[in-house]
Amino acid sequence: MHRDHVAHTFVQQREARFVASVRAELAAEYQAGRLREGLDLDVIARLITAQIEGIQPAWLGDPSVDVAVHLAALTDRIRKTVDG
């Protein structure tokens, strides 16, 4: 969205709040020892946000798209494995 658009600030702030909330949840999971070591939580927060925002229109176009399955596929890759 162009910065001169009337909704630009609203959309930008909404996105920033969403990314920050995802980042906070990731930090809590990391502190609890449930995420792999060495993750850049800022990058992961953006990846999760992008996936959620991208999969929603796919689901709207095709209700057989399982949003939860897609999100779980990503989060499974950042979780700590049982052996470390």
PDB file of N, CA and C in Angstrom:
ATOM      1  N   MET A   1       0.851  -1.161   0.000  1.00  0.00           N
ATOM      2  CA  MET A   1       0.000   0.000   0.000  1.00  0.00           C
ATOM      3  C   MET A   1       0.905   1.234   0.000  1.00  0.00           C
ATOM      4  N   HIS A   2       0.581   2.165  -0.825  1.00  0.00           N
ATOM      5  CA  HIS A   2       1.371   3.393  -0.939  1.00  0.00           C
ATOM      6  C   HIS A   2       1.259   4.218   0.339  1.00  0.00           C
ATOM      7  N   ARG A   3       2.359   4.833   0.740  1.00  0.00           N
ATOM      8  CA  ARG A   3       2.375   5.583   2.006  1.00  0.00           C
ATOM      9  C   ARG A   3       1.432   6.772   2.016  1.00  0.00           C
ATOM     10  N   ASP A   4       0.995   7.251   0.848  1.00  0.00           N
ATOM     11  CA  ASP A   4       0.050   8.363   0.792  1.00  0.00           C
ATOM     12  C   ASP A   4      -1.406   7.909   0.923  1.00  0.00           C
ATOM     13  N   HIS A   5      -1.616   6.608   0.873  1.00  0.00           N
ATOM     14  CA  HIS A   5      -2.981   6.084   0.994  1.00  0.00           C
ATOM     15  C   HIS A   5      -3.518   6.391   2.392  1.00  0.00           C
ATOM     16  N   VAL A   6      -4.781   6.698   2.479  1.00  0.00           N
ATOM     17  CA  VAL A   6      -5.403   7.089   3.743  1.00  0.00           C
ATOM     18  C   VAL A   6      -5.292   5.991   4.807  1.00  0.00           C
ATOM     19  N   ALA A   7      -5.250   4.748   4.413  1.00  0.00           N
ATOM     20  CA  ALA A   7      -5.199   3.645   5.376  1.00  0.00           C
ATOM     21  C   ALA A   7      -3.772   3.159   5.649  1.00  0.00           C
ATOM     22  N   HIS A   8      -2.786   3.777   5.046  1.00  0.00           N
ATOM     23  CA  HIS A   8      -1.410   3.306   5.172  1.00  0.00           C
ATOM     24  C   HIS A   8      -0.971   3.190   6.634  1.00  0.00           C
ATOM     25  N   THR A   9      -1.149   4.228   7.409  1.00  0.00           N
ATOM     26  CA  THR A   9      -0.704   4.222   8.803  1.00  0.00           C
ATOM     27  C   THR A   9      -1.440   3.157   9.601  1.00  0.00           C
ATOM     28  N   PHE A  10      -2.739   3.048   9.395  1.00  0.00           N
ATOM     29  CA  PHE A  10      -3.529   2.041  10.097  1.00  0.00           C
ATOM     30  C   PHE A  10      -3.005   0.635   9.797  1.00  0.00           C
ATOM     31  N   VAL A  11      -2.807   0.328   8.513  1.00  0.00           N
ATOM     32  CA  VAL A  11      -2.355  -1.001   8.113  1.00  0.00           C
ATOM     33  C   VAL A  11      -0.946  -1.266   8.644  1.00  0.00           C
ATOM     34  N   GLN A  12      -0.091  -0.279   8.562  1.00  0.00           N
ATOM     35  CA  GLN A  12       1.278  -0.416   9.046  1.00  0.00           C
ATOM     36  C   GLN A  12       1.295  -0.686  10.558  1.00  0.00           C
ATOM     37  N   GLN A  13       0.503   0.049  11.311  1.00  0.00           N
ATOM     38  CA  GLN A  13       0.456  -0.148  12.768  1.00  0.00           C
ATOM     39  C   GLN A  13      -0.170  -1.492  13.133  1.00  0.00           C
ATOM     40  N   ARG A  14      -1.198  -1.878  12.405  1.00  0.00           N
ATOM     41  CA  ARG A  14      -1.844  -3.170  12.658  1.00  0.00           C
ATOM     42  C   ARG A  14      -0.855  -4.307  12.415  1.00  0.00           C
ATOM     43  N   GLU A  15      -0.117  -4.222  11.317  1.00  0.00           N
ATOM     44  CA  GLU A  15       0.893  -5.237  11.005  1.00  0.00           C
ATOM     45  C   GLU A  15       1.970  -5.276  12.092  1.00  0.00           C
ATOM     46  N   ALA A  16       2.432  -4.122  12.530  1.00  0.00           N
ATOM     47  CA  ALA A  16       3.479  -4.050  13.555  1.00  0.00           C
ATOM     48  C   ALA A  16       2.993  -4.681  14.867  1.00  0.00           C
ATOM     49  N   ARG A  17       1.735  -4.423  15.231  1.00  0.00           N
ATOM     50  CA  ARG A  17       1.179  -5.017  16.454  1.00  0.00           C
ATOM     51  C   ARG A  17       1.086  -6.536  16.335  1.00  0.00           C
ATOM     52  N   PHE A  18       0.676  -7.010  15.173  1.00  0.00           N
ATOM     53  CA  PHE A  18       0.537  -8.450  14.960  1.00  0.00           C
ATOM     54  C   PHE A  18       1.902  -9.132  15.029  1.00  0.00           C
ATOM     55  N   VAL A  19       2.885  -8.575  14.334  1.00  0.00           N
ATOM     56  CA  VAL A  19       4.231  -9.146  14.359  1.00  0.00           C
ATOM     57  C   VAL A  19       4.775  -9.125  15.788  1.00  0.00           C
ATOM     58  N   ALA A  20       4.561  -8.036  16.507  1.00  0.00           N
ATOM     59  CA  ALA A  20       5.039  -7.931  17.890  1.00  0.00           C
ATOM     60  C   ALA A  20       4.380  -8.979  18.789  1.00  0.00           C
ATOM     61  N   SER A  21       3.100  -9.237  18.558  1.00  0.00           N
ATOM     62  CA  SER A  21       2.416 -10.240  19.391  1.00  0.00           C
ATOM     63  C   SER A  21       2.943 -11.646  19.095  1.00  0.00           C
ATOM     64  N   VAL A  22       3.201 -11.928  17.827  1.00  0.00           N
ATOM     65  CA  VAL A  22       3.781 -13.227  17.463  1.00  0.00           C
ATOM     66  C   VAL A  22       5.182 -13.339  18.063  1.00  0.00           C
ATOM     67  N   ARG A  23       5.955 -12.262  17.976  1.00  0.00           N
ATOM     68  CA  ARG A  23       7.326 -12.246  18.522  1.00  0.00           C
ATOM     69  C   ARG A  23       7.300 -12.486  20.032  1.00  0.00           C
ATOM     70  N   ALA A  24       6.339 -11.900  20.726  1.00  0.00           N
ATOM     71  CA  ALA A  24       6.224 -12.089  22.174  1.00  0.00           C
ATOM     72  C   ALA A  24       5.905 -13.546  22.508  1.00  0.00           C
ATOM     73  N   GLU A  25       5.027 -14.156  21.748  1.00  0.00           N
ATOM     74  CA  GLU A  25       4.701 -15.571  21.969  1.00  0.00           C
ATOM     75  C   GLU A  25       5.911 -16.455  21.703  1.00  0.00           C
ATOM     76  N   LEU A  26       6.654 -16.135  20.649  1.00  0.00           N
ATOM     77  CA  LEU A  26       7.869 -16.891  20.349  1.00  0.00           C
ATOM     78  C   LEU A  26       8.884 -16.754  21.479  1.00  0.00           C
ATOM     79  N   ALA A  27       9.037 -15.550  22.006  1.00  0.00           N
ATOM     80  CA  ALA A  27       9.978 -15.325  23.106  1.00  0.00           C
ATOM     81  C   ALA A  27       9.596 -16.161  24.322  1.00  0.00           C
ATOM     82  N   ALA A  28       8.312 -16.226  24.613  1.00  0.00           N
ATOM     83  CA  ALA A  28       7.844 -17.032  25.742  1.00  0.00           C
ATOM     84  C   ALA A  28       8.143 -18.514  25.511  1.00  0.00           C
ATOM     85  N   GLU A  29       7.904 -18.978  24.301  1.00  0.00           N
ATOM     86  CA  GLU A  29       8.193 -20.375  23.963  1.00  0.00           C
ATOM     87  C   GLU A  29       9.689 -20.661  24.032  1.00  0.00           C
ATOM     88  N   TYR A  30      10.496 -19.706  23.585  1.00  0.00           N
ATOM     89  CA  TYR A  30      11.949 -19.855  23.621  1.00  0.00           C
ATOM     90  C   TYR A  30      12.432 -19.923  25.072  1.00  0.00           C
ATOM     91  N   GLN A  31      11.937 -19.017  25.910  1.00  0.00           N
ATOM     92  CA  GLN A  31      12.311 -18.996  27.321  1.00  0.00           C
ATOM     93  C   GLN A  31      11.899 -20.291  28.023  1.00  0.00           C
ATOM     94  N   ALA A  32      10.811 -20.880  27.585  1.00  0.00           N
ATOM     95  CA  ALA A  32      10.331 -22.131  28.178  1.00  0.00           C
ATOM     96  C   ALA A  32      11.105 -23.342  27.655  1.00  0.00           C
ATOM     97  N   GLY A  33      12.026 -23.106  26.718  1.00  0.00           N
ATOM     98  CA  GLY A  33      12.852 -24.189  26.198  1.00  0.00           C
ATOM     99  C   GLY A  33      12.185 -25.048  25.148  1.00  0.00           C
ATOM    100  N   ARG A  34      11.139 -24.526  24.521  1.00  0.00           N
ATOM    101  CA  ARG A  34      10.402 -25.322  23.534  1.00  0.00           C
ATOM    102  C   ARG A  34      10.803 -25.048  22.085  1.00  0.00           C
ATOM    103  N   LEU A  35      11.713 -24.088  21.872  1.00  0.00           N
ATOM    104  CA  LEU A  35      12.156 -23.776  20.508  1.00  0.00           C
ATOM    105  C   LEU A  35      13.638 -24.108  20.361  1.00  0.00           C
ATOM    106  N   ARG A  36      14.022 -24.377  19.116  1.00  0.00           N
ATOM    107  CA  ARG A  36      15.419 -24.686  18.824  1.00  0.00           C
ATOM    108  C   ARG A  36      16.309 -23.499  19.159  1.00  0.00           C
ATOM    109  N   GLU A  37      17.535 -23.794  19.511  1.00  0.00           N
ATOM    110  CA  GLU A  37      18.527 -22.759  19.789  1.00  0.00           C
ATOM    111  C   GLU A  37      18.923 -22.062  18.491  1.00  0.00           C
ATOM    112  N   GLY A  38      19.319 -20.796  18.623  1.00  0.00           N
ATOM    113  CA  GLY A  38      19.884 -20.063  17.499  1.00  0.00           C
ATOM    114  C   GLY A  38      18.880 -19.451  16.536  1.00  0.00           C
ATOM    115  N   LEU A  39      17.603 -19.502  16.857  1.00  0.00           N
ATOM    116  CA  LEU A  39      16.593 -18.912  15.977  1.00  0.00           C
ATOM    117  C   LEU A  39      16.615 -17.389  16.099  1.00  0.00           C
ATOM    118  N   ASP A  40      16.425 -16.710  14.995  1.00  0.00           N
ATOM    119  CA  ASP A  40      16.229 -15.256  15.017  1.00  0.00           C
ATOM    120  C   ASP A  40      14.720 -15.044  15.155  1.00  0.00           C
ATOM    121  N   LEU A  41      14.287 -14.717  16.359  1.00  0.00           N
ATOM    122  CA  LEU A  41      12.852 -14.635  16.632  1.00  0.00           C
ATOM    123  C   LEU A  41      12.166 -13.536  15.835  1.00  0.00           C
ATOM    124  N   ASP A  42      12.886 -12.474  15.482  1.00  0.00           N
ATOM    125  CA  ASP A  42      12.299 -11.430  14.643  1.00  0.00           C
ATOM    126  C   ASP A  42      11.988 -11.970  13.253  1.00  0.00           C
ATOM    127  N   VAL A  43      12.904 -12.743  12.706  1.00  0.00           N
ATOM    128  CA  VAL A  43      12.692 -13.342  11.379  1.00  0.00           C
ATOM    129  C   VAL A  43      11.563 -14.364  11.439  1.00  0.00           C
ATOM    130  N   ILE A  44      11.576 -15.207  12.442  1.00  0.00           N
ATOM    131  CA  ILE A  44      10.527 -16.229  12.571  1.00  0.00           C
ATOM    132  C   ILE A  44       9.159 -15.577  12.749  1.00  0.00           C
ATOM    133  N   ALA A  45       9.089 -14.495  13.524  1.00  0.00           N
ATOM    134  CA  ALA A  45       7.812 -13.791  13.705  1.00  0.00           C
ATOM    135  C   ALA A  45       7.290 -13.280  12.368  1.00  0.00           C
ATOM    136  N   ARG A  46       8.177 -12.731  11.543  1.00  0.00           N
ATOM    137  CA  ARG A  46       7.755 -12.254  10.210  1.00  0.00           C
ATOM    138  C   ARG A  46       7.333 -13.413   9.319  1.00  0.00           C
ATOM    139  N   LEU A  47       8.049 -14.532   9.387  1.00  0.00           N
ATOM    140  CA  LEU A  47       7.683 -15.697   8.574  1.00  0.00           C
ATOM    141  C   LEU A  47       6.307 -16.231   8.953  1.00  0.00           C
ATOM    142  N   ILE A  48       6.047 -16.328  10.233  1.00  0.00           N
ATOM    143  CA  ILE A  48       4.739 -16.813  10.689  1.00  0.00           C
ATOM    144  C   ILE A  48       3.647 -15.837  10.270  1.00  0.00           C
ATOM    145  N   THR A  49       3.902 -14.553  10.448  1.00  0.00           N
ATOM    146  CA  THR A  49       2.926 -13.532  10.042  1.00  0.00           C
ATOM    147  C   THR A  49       2.645 -13.621   8.544  1.00  0.00           C
ATOM    148  N   ALA A  50       3.698 -13.736   7.753  1.00  0.00           N
ATOM    149  CA  ALA A  50       3.530 -13.830   6.300  1.00  0.00           C
ATOM    150  C   ALA A  50       2.749 -15.083   5.920  1.00  0.00           C
ATOM    151  N   GLN A  51       3.038 -16.187   6.604  1.00  0.00           N
ATOM    152  CA  GLN A  51       2.308 -17.418   6.292  1.00  0.00           C
ATOM    153  C   GLN A  51       0.830 -17.262   6.610  1.00  0.00           C
ATOM    154  N   ILE A  52       0.525 -16.716   7.774  1.00  0.00           N
ATOM    155  CA  ILE A  52      -0.870 -16.543   8.165  1.00  0.00           C
ATOM    156  C   ILE A  52      -1.591 -15.624   7.174  1.00  0.00           C
ATOM    157  N   GLU A  53      -0.951 -14.516   6.844  1.00  0.00           N
ATOM    158  CA  GLU A  53      -1.589 -13.569   5.924  1.00  0.00           C
ATOM    159  C   GLU A  53      -1.704 -14.127   4.510  1.00  0.00           C
ATOM    160  N   GLY A  54      -0.806 -15.029   4.145  1.00  0.00           N
ATOM    161  CA  GLY A  54      -0.859 -15.629   2.814  1.00  0.00           C
ATOM    162  C   GLY A  54      -1.816 -16.797   2.701  1.00  0.00           C
ATOM    163  N   ILE A  55      -1.924 -17.581   3.767  1.00  0.00           N
ATOM    164  CA  ILE A  55      -2.764 -18.777   3.701  1.00  0.00           C
ATOM    165  C   ILE A  55      -4.254 -18.436   3.824  1.00  0.00           C
ATOM    166  N   GLN A  56      -4.559 -17.323   4.485  1.00  0.00           N
ATOM    167  CA  GLN A  56      -5.967 -16.952   4.632  1.00  0.00           C
ATOM    168  C   GLN A  56      -6.665 -16.740   3.287  1.00  0.00           C
ATOM    169  N   PRO A  57      -6.100 -15.989   2.348  1.00  0.00           N
ATOM    170  CA  PRO A  57      -6.769 -15.857   1.046  1.00  0.00           C
ATOM    171  C   PRO A  57      -6.859 -17.188   0.292  1.00  0.00           C
ATOM    172  N   ALA A  58      -5.849 -18.043   0.481  1.00  0.00           N
ATOM    173  CA  ALA A  58      -5.909 -19.364  -0.158  1.00  0.00           C
ATOM    174  C   ALA A  58      -7.090 -20.151   0.390  1.00  0.00           C
ATOM    175  N   TRP A  59      -7.301 -20.080   1.709  1.00  0.00           N
ATOM    176  CA  TRP A  59      -8.424 -20.772   2.337  1.00  0.00           C
ATOM    177  C   TRP A  59      -9.759 -20.188   1.875  1.00  0.00           C
ATOM    178  N   LEU A  60      -9.806 -18.844   1.734  1.00  0.00           N
ATOM    179  CA  LEU A  60     -11.047 -18.224   1.256  1.00  0.00           C
ATOM    180  C   LEU A  60     -11.400 -18.703  -0.149  1.00  0.00           C
ATOM    181  N   GLY A  61     -10.385 -18.923  -0.965  1.00  0.00           N
ATOM    182  CA  GLY A  61     -10.625 -19.409  -2.321  1.00  0.00           C
ATOM    183  C   GLY A  61     -10.878 -20.895  -2.392  1.00  0.00           C
ATOM    184  N   ASP A  62     -10.366 -21.624  -1.417  1.00  0.00           N
ATOM    185  CA  ASP A  62     -10.503 -23.075  -1.397  1.00  0.00           C
ATOM    186  C   ASP A  62     -10.614 -23.530   0.058  1.00  0.00           C
ATOM    187  N   PRO A  63     -11.839 -23.683   0.566  1.00  0.00           N
ATOM    188  CA  PRO A  63     -12.026 -24.048   1.970  1.00  0.00           C
ATOM    189  C   PRO A  63     -11.388 -25.373   2.381  1.00  0.00           C
ATOM    190  N   SER A  64     -10.930 -26.172   1.425  1.00  0.00           N
ATOM    191  CA  SER A  64     -10.252 -27.415   1.797  1.00  0.00           C
ATOM    192  C   SER A  64      -8.816 -27.156   2.272  1.00  0.00           C
ATOM    193  N   VAL A  65      -8.307 -25.946   2.066  1.00  0.00           N
ATOM    194  CA  VAL A  65      -6.980 -25.589   2.573  1.00  0.00           C
ATOM    195  C   VAL A  65      -7.074 -25.520   4.095  1.00  0.00           C
ATOM    196  N   ASP A  66      -6.303 -26.337   4.765  1.00  0.00           N
ATOM    197  CA  ASP A  66      -6.337 -26.406   6.223  1.00  0.00           C
ATOM    198  C   ASP A  66      -5.279 -25.463   6.801  1.00  0.00           C
ATOM    199  N   VAL A  67      -5.732 -24.314   7.282  1.00  0.00           N
ATOM    200  CA  VAL A  67      -4.835 -23.285   7.801  1.00  0.00           C
ATOM    201  C   VAL A  67      -4.011 -23.833   8.962  1.00  0.00           C
ATOM    202  N   ALA A  68      -4.627 -24.556   9.862  1.00  0.00           N
ATOM    203  CA  ALA A  68      -3.924 -25.091  11.031  1.00  0.00           C
ATOM    204  C   ALA A  68      -2.821 -26.066  10.635  1.00  0.00           C
ATOM    205  N   VAL A  69      -3.071 -26.893   9.649  1.00  0.00           N
ATOM    206  CA  VAL A  69      -2.063 -27.854   9.188  1.00  0.00           C
ATOM    207  C   VAL A  69      -0.857 -27.107   8.614  1.00  0.00           C
ATOM    208  N   HIS A  70      -1.117 -26.063   7.850  1.00  0.00           N
ATOM    209  CA  HIS A  70      -0.015 -25.293   7.264  1.00  0.00           C
ATOM    210  C   HIS A  70       0.797 -24.570   8.334  1.00  0.00           C
ATOM    211  N   LEU A  71       0.118 -23.997   9.313  1.00  0.00           N
ATOM    212  CA  LEU A  71       0.837 -23.318  10.385  1.00  0.00           C
ATOM    213  C   LEU A  71       1.632 -24.328  11.222  1.00  0.00           C
ATOM    214  N   ALA A  72       1.063 -25.478  11.481  1.00  0.00           N
ATOM    215  CA  ALA A  72       1.771 -26.515  12.244  1.00  0.00           C
ATOM    216  C   ALA A  72       3.012 -26.993  11.492  1.00  0.00           C
ATOM    217  N   ALA A  73       2.944 -27.076  10.171  1.00  0.00           N
ATOM    218  CA  ALA A  73       4.103 -27.497   9.385  1.00  0.00           C
ATOM    219  C   ALA A  73       5.271 -26.534   9.577  1.00  0.00           C
ATOM    220  N   LEU A  74       4.977 -25.255   9.685  1.00  0.00           N
ATOM    221  CA  LEU A  74       6.037 -24.275   9.927  1.00  0.00           C
ATOM    222  C   LEU A  74       6.523 -24.343  11.375  1.00  0.00           C
ATOM    223  N   THR A  75       5.610 -24.351  12.306  1.00  0.00           N
ATOM    224  CA  THR A  75       6.025 -24.326  13.711  1.00  0.00           C
ATOM    225  C   THR A  75       6.746 -25.614  14.119  1.00  0.00           C
ATOM    226  N   ASP A  76       6.450 -26.719  13.463  1.00  0.00           N
ATOM    227  CA  ASP A  76       7.174 -27.964  13.741  1.00  0.00           C
ATOM    228  C   ASP A  76       8.666 -27.812  13.444  1.00  0.00           C
ATOM    229  N   ARG A  77       9.005 -26.953  12.522  1.00  0.00           N
ATOM    230  CA  ARG A  77      10.406 -26.766  12.138  1.00  0.00           C
ATOM    231  C   ARG A  77      11.190 -25.884  13.102  1.00  0.00           C
ATOM    232  N   ILE A  78      10.489 -25.173  13.962  1.00  0.00           N
ATOM    233  CA  ILE A  78      11.207 -24.318  14.910  1.00  0.00           C
ATOM    234  C   ILE A  78      11.189 -24.880  16.335  1.00  0.00           C
ATOM    235  N   ARG A  79      10.368 -25.891  16.546  1.00  0.00           N
ATOM    236  CA  ARG A  79      10.319 -26.508  17.882  1.00  0.00           C
ATOM    237  C   ARG A  79      11.570 -27.323  18.144  1.00  0.00           C
ATOM    238  N   LYS A  80      11.928 -27.389  19.403  1.00  0.00           N
ATOM    239  CA  LYS A  80      13.060 -28.223  19.823  1.00  0.00           C
ATOM    240  C   LYS A  80      12.638 -29.676  19.687  1.00  0.00           C
ATOM    241  N   THR A  81      13.534 -30.495  19.171  1.00  0.00           N
ATOM    242  CA  THR A  81      13.234 -31.911  19.046  1.00  0.00           C
ATOM    243  C   THR A  81      13.414 -32.579  20.401  1.00  0.00           C
ATOM    244  N   VAL A  82      12.886 -33.766  20.530  1.00  0.00           N
ATOM    245  CA  VAL A  82      12.949 -34.505  21.786  1.00  0.00           C
ATOM    246  C   VAL A  82      14.397 -34.739  22.197  1.00  0.00           C
ATOM    247  N   ASP A  83      15.268 -34.992  21.211  1.00  0.00           N
ATOM    248  CA  ASP A  83      16.661 -35.287  21.553  1.00  0.00           C
ATOM    249  C   ASP A  83      17.554 -34.047  21.602  1.00  0.00           C
ATOM    250  N   GLY A  84      16.948 -32.850  21.553  1.00  0.00           N
ATOM    251  CA  GLY A  84      17.779 -31.679  21.722  1.00  0.00           C
ATOM    252  C   GLY A  84      17.448 -30.566  20.836  1.00  0.00           C
TER     253      GLY A  84
END
